[in-house]
C-alpha cells in the first residue's frame, strides 16, 4: 500500500537553529512571567472555604458578593457555574475563626438573598502548608 505517490523530504535538521531559538525565547518569556507574576496558588494550598449554592431563581453574583462583604468576609470570590442559578463562593482563610463560625456567617449572608436556596457542597481547607 502506497500513501505518497512521490518521495517526500523535509529538512528537519536544517531548520533546527530556528526551533532552538524559538524554544529559548519561549523559556525566557515563561521564566520572566513566573518571576514577575508569581504563582496563583489555589485553595488547596492556601486554605479557606469553597461553597456551591443553588438558588431558586437566577443568582445575582454582585448582590451575593456585596452581602458577603457586608457580612465581614475579606475578598470573597463569587462566580457563576453550571446554570444561572448556581454560584461558587471561595473565601480566603481566616485563622481567627473556626469552620463552624465561618459556615454560620456564610449561611446567614446567603439566606438573606434566597431563603429557599440549597447548598450543593461545602469544603473547608485548613492551613496545611503554613508553618505553625
C-alpha atoms as a PDB file:
ATOM      1  CA  UNK A   1       0.000   0.000   0.000  1.00  0.00           C
ATOM      2  CA  UNK A   2       1.454   3.358  -1.007  1.00  0.00           C
ATOM      3  CA  UNK A   3       0.408   6.563   0.779  1.00  0.00           C
ATOM      4  CA  UNK A   4       2.506   9.022  -1.174  1.00  0.00           C
ATOM      5  CA  UNK A   5       2.936   8.978  -4.885  1.00  0.00           C
ATOM      6  CA  UNK A   6       6.301  10.721  -4.752  1.00  0.00           C
ATOM      7  CA  UNK A   7       9.282  10.859  -2.447  1.00  0.00           C
ATOM      8  CA  UNK A   8       8.791  13.447   0.328  1.00  0.00           C
ATOM      9  CA  UNK A   9      11.614  15.181   2.110  1.00  0.00           C
ATOM     10  CA  UNK A  10      11.565  17.866   4.690  1.00  0.00           C
ATOM     11  CA  UNK A  11      14.891  19.100   6.049  1.00  0.00           C
ATOM     12  CA  UNK A  12      14.147  18.964   9.792  1.00  0.00           C
ATOM     13  CA  UNK A  13      17.766  19.263  10.825  1.00  0.00           C
ATOM     14  CA  UNK A  14      18.375  22.216   8.537  1.00  0.00           C
ATOM     15  CA  UNK A  15      15.781  24.278  10.464  1.00  0.00           C
ATOM     16  CA  UNK A  16      16.937  23.216  13.929  1.00  0.00           C
ATOM     17  CA  UNK A  17      18.510  26.599  14.758  1.00  0.00           C
ATOM     18  CA  UNK A  18      15.169  28.326  14.200  1.00  0.00           C
ATOM     19  CA  UNK A  19      13.450  25.915  16.580  1.00  0.00           C
ATOM     20  CA  UNK A  20      16.253  26.182  19.167  1.00  0.00           C
ATOM     21  CA  UNK A  21      15.900  29.971  19.087  1.00  0.00           C
ATOM     22  CA  UNK A  22      12.104  29.831  19.370  1.00  0.00           C
ATOM     23  CA  UNK A  23      12.369  27.383  22.262  1.00  0.00           C
ATOM     24  CA  UNK A  24      14.894  29.593  24.100  1.00  0.00           C
ATOM     25  CA  UNK A  25      12.738  32.697  23.624  1.00  0.00           C
ATOM     26  CA  UNK A  26       9.656  30.905  24.971  1.00  0.00           C
ATOM     27  CA  UNK A  27      11.591  29.644  28.008  1.00  0.00           C
ATOM     28  CA  UNK A  28      12.860  33.152  28.772  1.00  0.00           C
ATOM     29  CA  UNK A  29       9.354  34.598  28.474  1.00  0.00           C
ATOM     30  CA  UNK A  30       7.927  31.912  30.767  1.00  0.00           C
ATOM     31  CA  UNK A  31      10.630  32.474  33.398  1.00  0.00           C
ATOM     32  CA  UNK A  32      10.131  36.243  33.251  1.00  0.00           C
ATOM     33  CA  UNK A  33       6.385  35.723  33.682  1.00  0.00           C
ATOM     34  CA  UNK A  34       6.987  33.423  36.642  1.00  0.00           C
ATOM     35  CA  UNK A  35       9.250  35.918  38.419  1.00  0.00           C
ATOM     36  CA  UNK A  36       7.062  38.952  37.748  1.00  0.00           C
ATOM     37  CA  UNK A  37       3.617  37.450  38.335  1.00  0.00           C
ATOM     38  CA  UNK A  38       4.419  34.570  40.677  1.00  0.00           C
ATOM     39  CA  UNK A  39       2.203  31.576  41.289  1.00  0.00           C
ATOM     40  CA  UNK A  40      -1.548  31.750  41.788  1.00  0.00           C
ATOM     41  CA  UNK A  41      -1.993  29.091  44.453  1.00  0.00           C
ATOM     42  CA  UNK A  42      -5.421  27.528  44.658  1.00  0.00           C
ATOM     43  CA  UNK A  43      -7.465  26.982  47.793  1.00  0.00           C
ATOM     44  CA  UNK A  44      -5.874  23.545  48.219  1.00  0.00           C
ATOM     45  CA  UNK A  45      -2.563  25.163  49.152  1.00  0.00           C
ATOM     46  CA  UNK A  46      -3.669  28.357  50.882  1.00  0.00           C
ATOM     47  CA  UNK A  47      -6.674  27.112  52.861  1.00  0.00           C
ATOM     48  CA  UNK A  48     -10.120  28.642  53.083  1.00  0.00           C
ATOM     49  CA  UNK A  49     -13.697  27.804  52.186  1.00  0.00           C
ATOM     50  CA  UNK A  50     -15.260  26.670  48.932  1.00  0.00           C
ATOM     51  CA  UNK A  51     -19.075  26.516  48.839  1.00  0.00           C
ATOM     52  CA  UNK A  52     -21.501  25.870  45.994  1.00  0.00           C
ATOM     53  CA  UNK A  53     -25.044  27.204  46.286  1.00  0.00           C
ATOM     54  CA  UNK A  54     -28.114  26.531  44.157  1.00  0.00           C
ATOM     55  CA  UNK A  55     -30.672  29.373  44.182  1.00  0.00           C
ATOM     56  CA  UNK A  56     -34.357  29.019  43.301  1.00  0.00           C
ATOM     57  CA  UNK A  57     -34.018  31.907  40.832  1.00  0.00           C
ATOM     58  CA  UNK A  58     -31.207  33.361  38.755  1.00  0.00           C
ATOM     59  CA  UNK A  59     -28.399  34.311  41.110  1.00  0.00           C
ATOM     60  CA  UNK A  60     -27.073  37.864  41.096  1.00  0.00           C
ATOM     61  CA  UNK A  61     -23.316  37.486  41.567  1.00  0.00           C
ATOM     62  CA  UNK A  62     -22.782  41.130  42.508  1.00  0.00           C
ATOM     63  CA  UNK A  63     -25.534  41.006  45.150  1.00  0.00           C
ATOM     64  CA  UNK A  64     -24.035  37.850  46.676  1.00  0.00           C
ATOM     65  CA  UNK A  65     -20.576  39.422  46.700  1.00  0.00           C
ATOM     66  CA  UNK A  66     -21.960  42.599  48.342  1.00  0.00           C
ATOM     67  CA  UNK A  67     -23.749  40.554  51.043  1.00  0.00           C
ATOM     68  CA  UNK A  68     -20.572  38.608  51.797  1.00  0.00           C
ATOM     69  CA  UNK A  69     -18.534  41.803  52.112  1.00  0.00           C
ATOM     70  CA  UNK A  70     -21.250  43.276  54.375  1.00  0.00           C
ATOM     71  CA  UNK A  71     -21.086  40.083  56.481  1.00  0.00           C
ATOM     72  CA  UNK A  72     -17.381  40.753  57.072  1.00  0.00           C
ATOM     73  CA  UNK A  73     -15.726  38.384  54.618  1.00  0.00           C
ATOM     74  CA  UNK A  74     -12.499  39.724  53.135  1.00  0.00           C
ATOM     75  CA  UNK A  75     -12.188  39.458  49.317  1.00  0.00           C
ATOM     76  CA  UNK A  76     -14.847  36.814  48.555  1.00  0.00           C
ATOM     77  CA  UNK A  77     -14.633  35.253  45.103  1.00  0.00           C
ATOM     78  CA  UNK A  78     -18.118  34.651  43.707  1.00  0.00           C
ATOM     79  CA  UNK A  79     -18.738  33.240  40.257  1.00  0.00           C
ATOM     80  CA  UNK A  80     -21.490  31.558  38.323  1.00  0.00           C
ATOM     81  CA  UNK A  81     -21.078  27.969  37.169  1.00  0.00           C
ATOM     82  CA  UNK A  82     -23.407  25.494  35.500  1.00  0.00           C
ATOM     83  CA  UNK A  83     -26.810  27.152  35.224  1.00  0.00           C
ATOM     84  CA  UNK A  84     -27.719  30.744  36.058  1.00  0.00           C
ATOM     85  CA  UNK A  85     -28.963  29.530  39.460  1.00  0.00           C
ATOM     86  CA  UNK A  86     -25.650  28.002  40.589  1.00  0.00           C
ATOM     87  CA  UNK A  87     -22.839  30.002  42.159  1.00  0.00           C
ATOM     88  CA  UNK A  88     -19.475  29.118  43.620  1.00  0.00           C
ATOM     89  CA  UNK A  89     -18.132  31.016  46.636  1.00  0.00           C
ATOM     90  CA  UNK A  90     -14.460  30.950  47.629  1.00  0.00           C
ATOM     91  CA  UNK A  91     -13.289  32.619  50.826  1.00  0.00           C
ATOM     92  CA  UNK A  92      -9.677  33.065  51.941  1.00  0.00           C
ATOM     93  CA  UNK A  93      -8.647  31.551  55.275  1.00  0.00           C
ATOM     94  CA  UNK A  94      -9.369  33.395  58.488  1.00  0.00           C
ATOM     95  CA  UNK A  95      -7.225  31.988  61.325  1.00  0.00           C
ATOM     96  CA  UNK A  96      -9.330  33.827  63.930  1.00  0.00           C
ATOM     97  CA  UNK A  97     -12.474  31.809  63.176  1.00  0.00           C
ATOM     98  CA  UNK A  98     -13.371  28.149  63.128  1.00  0.00           C
ATOM     99  CA  UNK A  99     -15.100  26.382  60.270  1.00  0.00           C
ATOM    100  CA  UNK A 100     -18.389  26.342  62.188  1.00  0.00           C
ATOM    101  CA  UNK A 101     -18.326  30.113  62.698  1.00  0.00           C
ATOM    102  CA  UNK A 102     -17.485  30.788  59.054  1.00  0.00           C
ATOM    103  CA  UNK A 103     -20.232  28.459  57.855  1.00  0.00           C
ATOM    104  CA  UNK A 104     -22.835  30.107  60.105  1.00  0.00           C
ATOM    105  CA  UNK A 105     -21.896  33.585  58.844  1.00  0.00           C
ATOM    106  CA  UNK A 106     -21.864  32.387  55.230  1.00  0.00           C
ATOM    107  CA  UNK A 107     -25.248  30.691  55.535  1.00  0.00           C
ATOM    108  CA  UNK A 108     -26.730  33.793  57.167  1.00  0.00           C
ATOM    109  CA  UNK A 109     -25.470  36.065  54.397  1.00  0.00           C
ATOM    110  CA  UNK A 110     -26.729  33.814  51.598  1.00  0.00           C
ATOM    111  CA  UNK A 111     -30.039  33.076  53.331  1.00  0.00           C
ATOM    112  CA  UNK A 112     -30.896  36.779  53.313  1.00  0.00           C
ATOM    113  CA  UNK A 113     -30.785  36.671  49.499  1.00  0.00           C
ATOM    114  CA  UNK A 114     -32.798  33.469  48.989  1.00  0.00           C
ATOM    115  CA  UNK A 115     -34.364  31.610  51.913  1.00  0.00           C
ATOM    116  CA  UNK A 116     -35.093  28.524  49.785  1.00  0.00           C
ATOM    117  CA  UNK A 117     -31.552  28.120  48.446  1.00  0.00           C
ATOM    118  CA  UNK A 118     -29.846  24.734  48.588  1.00  0.00           C
ATOM    119  CA  UNK A 119     -26.178  24.051  49.396  1.00  0.00           C
ATOM    120  CA  UNK A 120     -24.602  21.767  46.823  1.00  0.00           C
ATOM    121  CA  UNK A 121     -21.287  21.344  48.623  1.00  0.00           C
ATOM    122  CA  UNK A 122     -19.236  22.820  51.402  1.00  0.00           C
ATOM    123  CA  UNK A 123     -15.481  22.331  51.756  1.00  0.00           C
ATOM    124  CA  UNK A 124     -13.107  23.733  54.343  1.00  0.00           C
ATOM    125  CA  UNK A 125      -9.364  23.596  53.879  1.00  0.00           C
ATOM    126  CA  UNK A 126      -7.214  24.349  56.877  1.00  0.00           C
ATOM    127  CA  UNK A 127      -3.757  25.808  56.817  1.00  0.00           C
ATOM    128  CA  UNK A 128      -1.999  22.586  55.802  1.00  0.00           C
ATOM    129  CA  UNK A 129       1.107  24.083  54.276  1.00  0.00           C
ATOM    130  CA  UNK A 130       1.632  27.031  56.606  1.00  0.00           C
ATOM    131  CA  UNK A 131       4.353  26.826  59.228  1.00  0.00           C
ATOM    132  CA  UNK A 132       2.980  26.594  62.763  1.00  0.00           C
END
